[in-house]
Every structure is written in C-alpha cells, then in structure tokens.
C-alpha atoms as a PDB file:
ATOM      1  CA  MET A   1      -0.066   0.055  -0.059  1.00  0.00           C
ATOM      2  CA  GLU A   2       1.194   3.541  -0.949  1.00  0.00           C
ATOM      3  CA  VAL A   3       1.099   5.880   2.320  1.00  0.00           C
ATOM      4  CA  ARG A   4       0.541   9.270   1.776  1.00  0.00           C
ATOM      5  CA  VAL A   5       0.627  11.716   4.851  1.00  0.00           C
ATOM      6  CA  CYS A   6      -1.179  14.979   5.765  1.00  0.00           C
ATOM      7  CA  ALA A   7      -0.078  16.823   8.734  1.00  0.00           C
ATOM      8  CA  VAL A   8      -2.938  18.330  10.476  1.00  0.00           C
ATOM      9  CA  VAL A   9      -2.000  21.478  12.627  1.00  0.00           C
ATOM     10  CA  PRO A  10      -4.380  23.198  14.365  1.00  0.00           C
ATOM     11  CA  VAL A  11      -3.441  26.669  15.580  1.00  0.00           C
ATOM     12  CA  LEU A  12      -4.576  29.496  17.904  1.00  0.00           C
ATOM     13  CA  ASN A  13      -1.853  32.156  18.676  1.00  0.00           C
ATOM     14  CA  GLU A  14       1.300  30.073  18.335  1.00  0.00           C
ATOM     15  CA  GLY A  15       3.565  33.051  17.048  1.00  0.00           C
ATOM     16  CA  GLU A  16       6.176  31.934  19.215  1.00  0.00           C
ATOM     17  CA  PHE A  17       6.490  28.391  17.973  1.00  0.00           C
ATOM     18  CA  ILE A  18       4.801  27.745  14.846  1.00  0.00           C
ATOM     19  CA  THR A  19       8.096  28.470  12.626  1.00  0.00           C
ATOM     20  CA  ARG A  20       9.983  25.970  14.049  1.00  0.00           C
ATOM     21  CA  CYS A  21       6.925  23.454  13.774  1.00  0.00           C
ATOM     22  CA  ILE A  22       6.180  24.173  10.222  1.00  0.00           C
ATOM     23  CA  ASP A  23      10.091  24.209   9.338  1.00  0.00           C
ATOM     24  CA  SER A  24      10.201  20.519  11.004  1.00  0.00           C
ATOM     25  CA  LEU A  25       7.338  19.101   8.877  1.00  0.00           C
ATOM     26  CA  LEU A  26       8.614  20.608   5.727  1.00  0.00           C
ATOM     27  CA  ALA A  27      12.229  19.135   6.360  1.00  0.00           C
ATOM     28  CA  GLN A  28      10.648  15.357   6.573  1.00  0.00           C
ATOM     29  CA  THR A  29      12.702  12.561   4.701  1.00  0.00           C
ATOM     30  CA  MET A  30       9.401  11.613   2.843  1.00  0.00           C
ATOM     31  CA  PRO A  31       6.752  14.036   1.187  1.00  0.00           C
ATOM     32  CA  VAL A  32       4.289  15.318   3.491  1.00  0.00           C
ATOM     33  CA  ASP A  33       1.111  17.762   2.632  1.00  0.00           C
ATOM     34  CA  VAL A  34       0.955  20.289   5.453  1.00  0.00           C
ATOM     35  CA  LEU A  35      -2.594  21.539   6.331  1.00  0.00           C
ATOM     36  CA  VAL A  36      -2.712  24.406   8.966  1.00  0.00           C
ATOM     37  CA  LEU A  37      -6.347  25.289  10.538  1.00  0.00           C
ATOM     38  CA  ASP A  38      -6.307  28.683  12.307  1.00  0.00           C
ATOM     39  CA  GLY A  39      -8.690  29.285  14.907  1.00  0.00           C
ATOM     40  CA  GLY A  40      -8.392  33.023  14.555  1.00  0.00           C
ATOM     41  CA  SER A  41      -4.939  33.983  15.690  1.00  0.00           C
ATOM     42  CA  THR A  42      -4.102  37.631  16.840  1.00  0.00           C
ATOM     43  CA  ASP A  43      -0.591  37.480  17.607  1.00  0.00           C
ATOM     44  CA  GLY A  44       1.151  37.283  13.964  1.00  0.00           C
ATOM     45  CA  THR A  45       0.744  33.691  13.483  1.00  0.00           C
ATOM     46  CA  LEU A  46      -0.873  34.188  10.159  1.00  0.00           C
ATOM     47  CA  ASP A  47       1.802  36.386   8.881  1.00  0.00           C
ATOM     48  CA  LEU A  48       4.521  34.011   9.763  1.00  0.00           C
ATOM     49  CA  LEU A  49       2.395  31.127   8.198  1.00  0.00           C
ATOM     50  CA  SER A  50       2.097  33.442   4.913  1.00  0.00           C
ATOM     51  CA  LYS A  51       6.051  33.358   4.213  1.00  0.00           C
ATOM     52  CA  TYR A  52       5.626  29.867   3.544  1.00  0.00           C
ATOM     53  CA  GLY A  53       3.733  30.280   0.554  1.00  0.00           C
ATOM     54  CA  ASP A  54       2.238  27.440  -1.308  1.00  0.00           C
ATOM     55  CA  SER A  55       4.247  24.849   0.410  1.00  0.00           C
ATOM     56  CA  ILE A  56       1.756  24.514   2.826  1.00  0.00           C
ATOM     57  CA  THR A  57      -2.111  24.942   3.161  1.00  0.00           C
ATOM     58  CA  VAL A  58      -3.878  27.517   5.516  1.00  0.00           C
ATOM     59  CA  LEU A  59      -7.320  27.521   6.325  1.00  0.00           C
ATOM     60  CA  ASN A  60      -9.759  29.485   8.618  1.00  0.00           C
ATOM     61  CA  ASN A  61     -11.159  27.193  11.553  1.00  0.00           C
ATOM     62  CA  PRO A  62     -14.135  29.029  12.635  1.00  0.00           C
ATOM     63  CA  GLY A  63     -14.865  26.457  15.347  1.00  0.00           C
ATOM     64  CA  LYS A  64     -11.511  27.629  16.854  1.00  0.00           C
ATOM     65  CA  ARG A  65     -10.755  24.086  18.914  1.00  0.00           C
ATOM     66  CA  VAL A  66      -8.762  21.275  18.066  1.00  0.00           C
ATOM     67  CA  ALA A  67     -11.593  18.811  17.519  1.00  0.00           C
ATOM     68  CA  GLN A  68     -13.290  20.924  14.889  1.00  0.00           C
ATOM     69  CA  ALA A  69      -9.823  21.882  13.060  1.00  0.00           C
ATOM     70  CA  ARG A  70      -9.338  18.028  12.398  1.00  0.00           C
ATOM     71  CA  ASN A  71     -12.745  17.535  11.314  1.00  0.00           C
ATOM     72  CA  LEU A  72     -12.259  20.455   9.072  1.00  0.00           C
ATOM     73  CA  ALA A  73      -8.841  18.844   7.918  1.00  0.00           C
ATOM     74  CA  LEU A  74     -10.825  15.457   6.901  1.00  0.00           C
ATOM     75  CA  GLU A  75     -13.327  17.343   4.895  1.00  0.00           C
ATOM     76  CA  ASN A  76     -10.544  19.133   3.087  1.00  0.00           C
ATOM     77  CA  ILE A  77      -7.892  16.593   2.308  1.00  0.00           C
ATOM     78  CA  SER A  78      -7.561  15.047  -1.099  1.00  0.00           C
ATOM     79  CA  ASP A  79      -8.484  11.537  -1.779  1.00  0.00           C
ATOM     80  CA  GLU A  80      -4.924  10.326  -2.194  1.00  0.00           C
ATOM     81  CA  ILE A  81      -4.369  11.174   1.565  1.00  0.00           C
ATOM     82  CA  THR A  82      -4.262   7.704   3.436  1.00  0.00           C
ATOM     83  CA  HIS A  83      -2.790   9.162   6.940  1.00  0.00           C
ATOM     84  CA  CYS A  84      -3.226  11.945   9.102  1.00  0.00           C
ATOM     85  CA  LEU A  85      -0.313  13.013  11.302  1.00  0.00           C
ATOM     86  CA  GLU A  86      -1.463  14.566  14.592  1.00  0.00           C
ATOM     87  CA  ILE A  87       0.442  17.345  15.753  1.00  0.00           C
ATOM     88  CA  ILE A  88       0.046  20.969  17.404  1.00  0.00           C
ATOM     89  CA  GLY A  89       1.807  24.274  16.875  1.00  0.00           C
ATOM     90  CA  HIS A  90       3.944  24.250  19.707  1.00  0.00           C
ATOM     91  CA  SER A  91       5.707  21.068  18.847  1.00  0.00           C
ATOM     92  CA  TRP A  92       8.063  19.793  16.181  1.00  0.00           C
ATOM     93  CA  ILE A  93       9.513  16.310  15.101  1.00  0.00           C
ATOM     94  CA  ASP A  94      12.957  15.047  13.809  1.00  0.00           C
ATOM     95  CA  SER A  95      13.532  15.181  10.188  1.00  0.00           C
ATOM     96  CA  ASP A  96      12.802  11.132   9.620  1.00  0.00           C
ATOM     97  CA  HIS A  97       9.790  11.110  12.293  1.00  0.00           C
ATOM     98  CA  VAL A  98       6.856  10.523   9.564  1.00  0.00           C
ATOM     99  CA  GLU A  99       9.247   8.057   7.799  1.00  0.00           C
ATOM    100  CA  ARG A 100      10.002   6.033  10.467  1.00  0.00           C
ATOM    101  CA  ARG A 101       6.373   5.833  11.711  1.00  0.00           C
ATOM    102  CA  VAL A 102       5.173   4.798   8.108  1.00  0.00           C
ATOM    103  CA  SER A 103       8.008   2.129   7.891  1.00  0.00           C
ATOM    104  CA  GLU A 104       7.112   0.926  11.493  1.00  0.00           C
ATOM    105  CA  LEU A 105       3.396   1.105  10.518  1.00  0.00           C
ATOM    106  CA  LEU A 106       3.513  -0.925   7.608  1.00  0.00           C
ATOM    107  CA  ASP A 107       5.753  -3.656   9.183  1.00  0.00           C
ATOM    108  CA  LEU A 108       2.958  -4.163  12.009  1.00  0.00           C
ATOM    109  CA  GLU A 109       0.173  -4.188   9.539  1.00  0.00           C
ATOM    110  CA  SER A 110       2.125  -7.025   7.496  1.00  0.00           C
ATOM    111  CA  SER A 111       2.741  -9.004  10.780  1.00  0.00           C
ATOM    112  CA  LEU A 112      -0.677  -8.519  12.025  1.00  0.00           C
ATOM    113  CA  GLY A 113      -2.316  -9.160   9.080  1.00  0.00           C
ATOM    114  CA  THR A 114      -4.618  -6.370   9.542  1.00  0.00           C
ATOM    115  CA  LYS A 115      -4.801  -2.461   9.192  1.00  0.00           C
ATOM    116  CA  ILE A 116      -4.074  -0.493  12.036  1.00  0.00           C
ATOM    117  CA  GLY A 117      -6.282   2.557  13.135  1.00  0.00           C
ATOM    118  CA  ALA A 118      -3.598   4.752  14.482  1.00  0.00           C
ATOM    119  CA  ILE A 119       0.036   4.309  16.028  1.00  0.00           C
ATOM    120  CA  GLY A 120       1.285   7.060  18.320  1.00  0.00           C
ATOM    121  CA  CYS A 121       4.899   7.989  19.679  1.00  0.00           C
ATOM    122  CA  ARG A 122       6.526   9.267  22.826  1.00  0.00           C
ATOM    123  CA  THR A 123       6.162  12.849  23.793  1.00  0.00           C
ATOM    124  CA  GLU A 124       9.007  14.826  25.011  1.00  0.00           C
ATOM    125  CA  SER A 125       9.755  17.908  26.492  1.00  0.00           C
ATOM    126  CA  GLY A 126      11.324  20.805  24.395  1.00  0.00           C
ATOM    127  CA  ASP A 127      14.164  22.916  25.389  1.00  0.00           C
ATOM    128  CA  SER A 128      12.779  25.125  27.784  1.00  0.00           C
ATOM    129  CA  THR A 129      14.989  26.264  30.741  1.00  0.00           C
ATOM    130  CA  ASP A 130      12.283  28.252  32.816  1.00  0.00           C
ATOM    131  CA  THR A 131      11.865  26.719  36.198  1.00  0.00           C
ATOM    132  CA  VAL A 132       8.225  25.728  35.863  1.00  0.00           C
ATOM    133  CA  SER A 133       8.848  23.633  32.954  1.00  0.00           C
ATOM    134  CA  LYS A 134      11.850  21.793  34.631  1.00  0.00           C
ATOM    135  CA  TRP A 135       9.238  20.977  37.436  1.00  0.00           C
ATOM    136  CA  VAL A 136       6.893  19.544  35.127  1.00  0.00           C
ATOM    137  CA  GLU A 137       9.329  17.470  33.462  1.00  0.00           C
ATOM    138  CA  GLY A 138      10.812  16.262  36.825  1.00  0.00           C
ATOM    139  CA  ALA A 139       7.467  15.174  37.749  1.00  0.00           C
ATOM    140  CA  LEU A 140       6.736  13.419  34.547  1.00  0.00           C
ATOM    141  CA  ALA A 141       9.909  11.461  34.798  1.00  0.00           C
ATOM    142  CA  SER A 142       8.392   9.606  37.704  1.00  0.00           C
ATOM    143  CA  PRO A 143       5.958   6.524  37.213  1.00  0.00           C
ATOM    144  CA  ILE A 144       3.872   8.051  39.719  1.00  0.00           C
ATOM    145  CA  GLY A 145       3.765  11.538  38.027  1.00  0.00           C
ATOM    146  CA  SER A 146       3.388  10.532  34.243  1.00  0.00           C
ATOM    147  CA  GLY A 147       0.287   8.205  34.794  1.00  0.00           C
ATOM    148  CA  GLY A 148      -0.656   6.244  31.748  1.00  0.00           C
ATOM    149  CA  GLY A 149      -1.484   8.908  29.206  1.00  0.00           C
ATOM    150  CA  GLN A 150       0.312  10.995  26.626  1.00  0.00           C
ATOM    151  CA  PHE A 151       3.361  11.629  28.787  1.00  0.00           C
ATOM    152  CA  GLN A 152       4.088   8.215  29.965  1.00  0.00           C
ATOM    153  CA  ARG A 153       7.759   7.013  29.381  1.00  0.00           C
ATOM    154  CA  PHE A 154       7.194   3.587  27.758  1.00  0.00           C
ATOM    155  CA  LYS A 155       9.396   1.577  26.049  1.00  0.00           C
ATOM    156  CA  GLY A 156       9.556  -0.590  22.918  1.00  0.00           C
ATOM    157  CA  THR A 157       6.368  -1.178  20.591  1.00  0.00           C
ATOM    158  CA  GLU A 158       2.943  -1.814  22.294  1.00  0.00           C
ATOM    159  CA  LYS A 159      -0.924  -2.118  21.996  1.00  0.00           C
ATOM    160  CA  THR A 160      -2.329   0.603  23.757  1.00  0.00           C
ATOM    161  CA  LYS A 161      -5.549   2.685  24.409  1.00  0.00           C
ATOM    162  CA  VAL A 162      -3.659   5.967  24.598  1.00  0.00           C
ATOM    163  CA  PRO A 163      -1.568   6.693  21.588  1.00  0.00           C
ATOM    164  CA  ALA A 164      -0.163  10.273  21.617  1.00  0.00           C
ATOM    165  CA  PHE A 165       0.475  12.255  18.618  1.00  0.00           C
ATOM    166  CA  CYS A 166      -0.817   9.608  16.258  1.00  0.00           C
ATOM    167  CA  LEU A 167      -0.412   8.875  12.627  1.00  0.00           C
ATOM    168  CA  HIS A 168      -4.363   7.964  12.029  1.00  0.00           C
ATOM    169  CA  ASN A 169      -5.585   5.882   9.246  1.00  0.00           C
ATOM    170  CA  VAL A 170      -8.084   8.292   7.474  1.00  0.00           C
ATOM    171  CA  GLU A 171     -10.624   5.276   6.614  1.00  0.00           C
ATOM    172  CA  ALA A 172     -10.658   4.506  10.238  1.00  0.00           C
ATOM    173  CA  LEU A 173     -11.219   8.269  11.041  1.00  0.00           C
ATOM    174  CA  ARG A 174     -14.060   8.391   8.684  1.00  0.00           C
ATOM    175  CA  GLU A 175     -15.894   5.311   9.626  1.00  0.00           C
ATOM    176  CA  VAL A 176     -16.257   6.589  13.006  1.00  0.00           C
ATOM    177  CA  ASN A 177     -17.131  10.027  11.851  1.00  0.00           C
ATOM    178  CA  GLY A 178     -13.828  12.061  13.130  1.00  0.00           C
ATOM    179  CA  TRP A 179     -13.641  13.803  16.486  1.00  0.00           C
ATOM    180  CA  ASP A 180     -16.416  14.622  18.746  1.00  0.00           C
ATOM    181  CA  GLU A 181     -16.815  18.314  18.890  1.00  0.00           C
ATOM    182  CA  ARG A 182     -18.455  18.550  21.946  1.00  0.00           C
ATOM    183  CA  PHE A 183     -14.885  17.851  23.665  1.00  0.00           C
ATOM    184  CA  ILE A 184     -12.631  20.863  24.318  1.00  0.00           C
ATOM    185  CA  THR A 185     -10.170  18.616  25.386  1.00  0.00           C
ATOM    186  CA  SER A 186      -9.638  15.033  25.554  1.00  0.00           C
ATOM    187  CA  GLN A 187     -11.019  14.744  22.312  1.00  0.00           C
ATOM    188  CA  ASP A 188      -8.206  12.259  21.107  1.00  0.00           C
ATOM    189  CA  SER A 189      -9.108   9.917  24.382  1.00  0.00           C
ATOM    190  CA  ASP A 190     -12.602   9.850  22.930  1.00  0.00           C
ATOM    191  CA  LEU A 191     -11.764   9.064  19.466  1.00  0.00           C
ATOM    192  CA  SER A 192      -9.258   6.191  20.723  1.00  0.00           C
ATOM    193  CA  MET A 193     -12.139   4.324  22.642  1.00  0.00           C
ATOM    194  CA  ARG A 194     -14.526   4.802  19.521  1.00  0.00           C
ATOM    195  CA  LEU A 195     -11.963   3.523  17.227  1.00  0.00           C
ATOM    196  CA  ILE A 196     -11.453   0.409  19.395  1.00  0.00           C
ATOM    197  CA  ALA A 197     -15.040  -0.082  20.084  1.00  0.00           C
ATOM    198  CA  ALA A 198     -15.230   0.026  16.109  1.00  0.00           C
ATOM    199  CA  GLY A 199     -12.623  -3.159  15.652  1.00  0.00           C
ATOM    200  CA  TRP A 200      -9.534  -0.940  14.900  1.00  0.00           C
ATOM    201  CA  GLN A 201      -6.174  -1.719  16.754  1.00  0.00           C
ATOM    202  CA  LEU A 202      -4.341   1.160  18.305  1.00  0.00           C
ATOM    203  CA  TRP A 203      -0.425   1.082  18.791  1.00  0.00           C
ATOM    204  CA  ARG A 204       2.712   3.078  20.284  1.00  0.00           C
ATOM    205  CA  SER A 205       6.301   2.976  19.883  1.00  0.00           C
ATOM    206  CA  ASP A 206       9.328   4.827  20.908  1.00  0.00           C
ATOM    207  CA  ILE A 207      11.517   4.822  17.875  1.00  0.00           C
ATOM    208  CA  SER A 208      10.703   8.494  17.563  1.00  0.00           C
ATOM    209  CA  SER A 209       9.013  11.304  19.399  1.00  0.00           C
ATOM    210  CA  VAL A 210       7.223  14.585  19.369  1.00  0.00           C
ATOM    211  CA  TYR A 211       8.865  17.205  21.091  1.00  0.00           C
ATOM    212  CA  MET A 212       6.463  19.921  22.546  1.00  0.00           C
ATOM    213  CA  HIS A 213       6.779  23.369  24.637  1.00  0.00           C
ATOM    214  CA  LYS A 214       5.014  22.717  28.141  1.00  0.00           C
ATOM    215  CA  ARG A 215       3.382  25.410  30.088  1.00  0.00           C
ATOM    216  CA  SER A 216       6.035  27.789  31.752  1.00  0.00           C
ATOM    217  CA  SER A 217       3.962  29.368  34.663  1.00  0.00           C
ATOM    218  CA  LEU A 218       2.249  27.819  37.542  1.00  0.00           C
ATOM    219  CA  SER A 219      -1.149  29.568  36.550  1.00  0.00           C
ATOM    220  CA  ASN A 220      -1.124  28.153  32.969  1.00  0.00           C
ATOM    221  CA  TRP A 221      -0.190  24.543  34.463  1.00  0.00           C
ATOM    222  CA  TRP A 222      -3.254  24.935  36.681  1.00  0.00           C
ATOM    223  CA  LYS A 223      -5.646  26.021  34.138  1.00  0.00           C
ATOM    224  CA  MET A 224      -4.757  23.119  32.022  1.00  0.00           C
ATOM    225  CA  CYS A 225      -4.979  20.565  34.623  1.00  0.00           C
ATOM    226  CA  HIS A 226      -8.236  21.873  35.830  1.00  0.00           C
ATOM    227  CA  ARG A 227      -9.464  21.881  32.147  1.00  0.00           C
ATOM    228  CA  TYR A 228      -8.360  18.501  31.103  1.00  0.00           C
ATOM    229  CA  GLY A 229      -9.279  17.136  34.672  1.00  0.00           C
ATOM    230  CA  PHE A 230     -12.938  18.220  33.829  1.00  0.00           C
ATOM    231  CA  TRP A 231     -13.097  16.790  30.150  1.00  0.00           C
ATOM    232  CA  ARG A 232     -11.162  13.590  31.231  1.00  0.00           C
ATOM    233  CA  THR A 233     -14.403  12.694  33.682  1.00  0.00           C
ATOM    234  CA  LYS A 234     -16.390  13.294  30.629  1.00  0.00           C
ATOM    235  CA  VAL A 235     -14.331  10.810  28.832  1.00  0.00           C
ATOM    236  CA  VAL A 236     -14.592   8.317  31.716  1.00  0.00           C
ATOM    237  CA  VAL A 237     -18.253   8.789  32.044  1.00  0.00           C
ATOM    238  CA  LYS A 238     -18.978   8.114  28.299  1.00  0.00           C
ATOM    239  CA  HIS A 239     -15.994   5.373  28.291  1.00  0.00           C
ATOM    240  CA  PRO A 240     -16.178   3.440  31.538  1.00  0.00           C
ATOM    241  CA  LYS A 241     -13.448   0.990  30.329  1.00  0.00           C
ATOM    242  CA  ARG A 242     -11.106   4.279  29.705  1.00  0.00           C
ATOM    243  CA  LEU A 243     -10.931   4.690  33.757  1.00  0.00           C
ATOM    244  CA  ASP A 244      -7.403   3.896  35.199  1.00  0.00           C
ATOM    245  CA  VAL A 245      -7.483   3.050  39.008  1.00  0.00           C
ATOM    246  CA  ARG A 246      -4.810   5.459  39.702  1.00  0.00           C
ATOM    247  CA  GLU A 247      -7.079   8.446  38.907  1.00  0.00           C
ATOM    248  CA  LEU A 248      -9.117   7.521  41.947  1.00  0.00           C
ATOM    249  CA  LEU A 249      -6.234   7.407  44.429  1.00  0.00           C
ATOM    250  CA  PRO A 250      -6.034  11.060  45.216  1.00  0.00           C
ATOM    251  CA  LEU A 251      -9.717  11.147  45.901  1.00  0.00           C
ATOM    252  CA  VAL A 252      -9.434   7.916  48.166  1.00  0.00           C
ATOM    253  CA  GLY A 253      -6.536   9.455  50.152  1.00  0.00           C
ATOM    254  CA  LEU A 254      -8.706  12.806  50.567  1.00  0.00           C
ATOM    255  CA  VAL A 255     -11.587  10.915  52.164  1.00  0.00           C
ATOM    256  CA  MET A 256      -9.295   8.972  54.275  1.00  0.00           C
ATOM    257  CA  ILE A 257      -7.711  12.357  55.537  1.00  0.00           C
ATOM    258  CA  PHE A 258     -10.972  14.029  56.522  1.00  0.00           C
ATOM    259  CA  THR A 259     -12.677  10.729  57.826  1.00  0.00           C
ATOM    260  CA  LEU A 260      -9.920   8.854  59.908  1.00  0.00           C
ATOM    261  CA  HIS A 261      -8.849  10.833  62.590  1.00  0.00           C
ATOM    262  CA  GLN A 262      -5.426   8.909  63.000  1.00  0.00           C
ATOM    263  CA  TRP A 263      -4.540  10.279  59.643  1.00  0.00           C
ATOM    264  CA  TRP A 264      -4.189  13.592  60.867  1.00  0.00           C
ATOM    265  CA  TRP A 265      -0.706  13.451  59.789  1.00  0.00           C
ATOM    266  CA  ALA A 266      -1.447  12.722  55.998  1.00  0.00           C
ATOM    267  CA  PRO A 267      -1.729  16.323  54.572  1.00  0.00           C
ATOM    268  CA  ALA A 268       1.741  17.263  55.781  1.00  0.00           C
ATOM    269  CA  THR A 269       3.360  13.959  54.694  1.00  0.00           C
ATOM    270  CA  TYR A 270       1.569  14.166  51.284  1.00  0.00           C
ATOM    271  CA  GLY A 271       3.157  17.873  50.930  1.00  0.00           C
ATOM    272  CA  VAL A 272       6.701  16.616  51.920  1.00  0.00           C
ATOM    273  CA  ALA A 273       6.390  13.740  49.173  1.00  0.00           C
ATOM    274  CA  LEU A 274       5.264  16.166  46.675  1.00  0.00           C
ATOM    275  CA  LEU A 275       8.060  18.640  47.222  1.00  0.00           C
ATOM    276  CA  LEU A 276      10.584  15.735  47.543  1.00  0.00           C
ATOM    277  CA  MET A 277       9.166  14.163  44.134  1.00  0.00           C
ATOM    278  CA  GLY A 278       9.376  17.780  42.169  1.00  0.00           C
END
C-alpha cells in the first residue's frame, strides 16, 4: 500500500513556536502535505504562515478548537491522503519522524495481517529552560507522575488505548465520523475509545518522538490541569473502560484524611512527598 501523509496542525496564537513546527514538517525525509487550521490568531501567527507560500495550506477554522480543526481537515484533504499526522503548533519533530512511523506502521500491519487505526509515539519535552517547565519534566519522569496517558515514558512497541500524536488511518477516522466536537480537550481519548469499539487496533512505539513546549507558569499549568481533569471525567463517564484506577487514588486519599482521625498527619506527609518528588 502506498502511504501518503497529511500533517494536520490546529493553531491559535502560536506565533512564538509555529515556525519551528512548520520547518520540521517541511524538512521530512518523505513527502508530507501540511495543512494548518487557524482558529483566529491575533498574535502574528498568520503573518508567519504566509511566508511559506504554496508549500503549506492554511484554512480558517471557525470553530476555533482542535476537534473542529481536525474534522475540517478531514473534509478538505485529497482522496490520495491515506493517513493524517496529529501535531500541534507548539511542537516539532525530527526530520525522519514520518518516514520511521510509516515504516513501522507497514511492518506492523504486515505482521498482524490487518490495518491499524493509529500508531502513536512518545512525547518529549522541548528545550525550555524555565523553572516551571523543569518542575513539570521532573514530575513526569516519575512513573507516579506520568500516569498512563500521553506523557508516559513507555518503551518499545505495544498495543494501547492511549496513543499520542498519532499517525491516523483516514479510513478509520471516517468510519467513526472523526472527532467529537463536544470535547474541548480529551477529544483524542474519546476518539481512541470509539476506534477500539469499531474494531480498530491502536499502537504506540518509542522509535521516534514529538517534542513540545510545556506550560511555563504555574497559573497556566493549573488552568490546563483543571480543564483536562474536567473533560477527562467526561470521557470516563462516556467510556468507563478508559478509567485507570490510579486516577481514583487522590480522591480516596482525601476521603481517608478527612474521615479517619488517625490520619491527621497525612496532609503534611503528602506535601513533603510532593516537594521531594518535584
């Protein structure tokens, strides 16, 4: 099967990072179409994108958000596109990333005897030097801090429910009607569960990574965690099989702290543990 890839890049005010993202896509060792969906940037992002001329395609995304952008991309890609590469404006990839992912995808499909819905990769930190980003990276380096989601430091090639920055099969995406636009975040987790329910296998491997800039202030990190936590709950309600028991441990801990008098020391211990882990 001949694979043709389109990189789908939703953006909104990514002027600080978008050039590095697009440059990395255009430098790939195999041809990649680049489709950027702009949600109404006001910070100069569009001016930067205009400098690439016909080497990329830029479309307006009236819905502003990621799910709407990716569905819009599905409507606009050519019939020759077989796979969509998931990426965002403040991320970038090595020059052989797409070629390596396609090669592994084809090898897996050959060995399994079936098409794969998506193959994801590891997510690595960018080259940020600010203190908060270092804190975040330190926490994610721990198996306790990374959890089982997109930032997990997994090794090897494995079947999964949570692939990150996927190379998606367009046929699979269209079979499940793309992304659910009701999800402001966690739309990828919802999509993965629907793909699995439709019989598609999802995989991930560590042969290449996507690098991304993480939040550089505690307030931005807090806002992101709050937003992701809210929509994560929505995903679990819709797809109970997506629940990881580790997600319940903080709630169990809080209940025990406030209901068992002999646990009066727990809050201080928990705080010290967080500081040490950080």
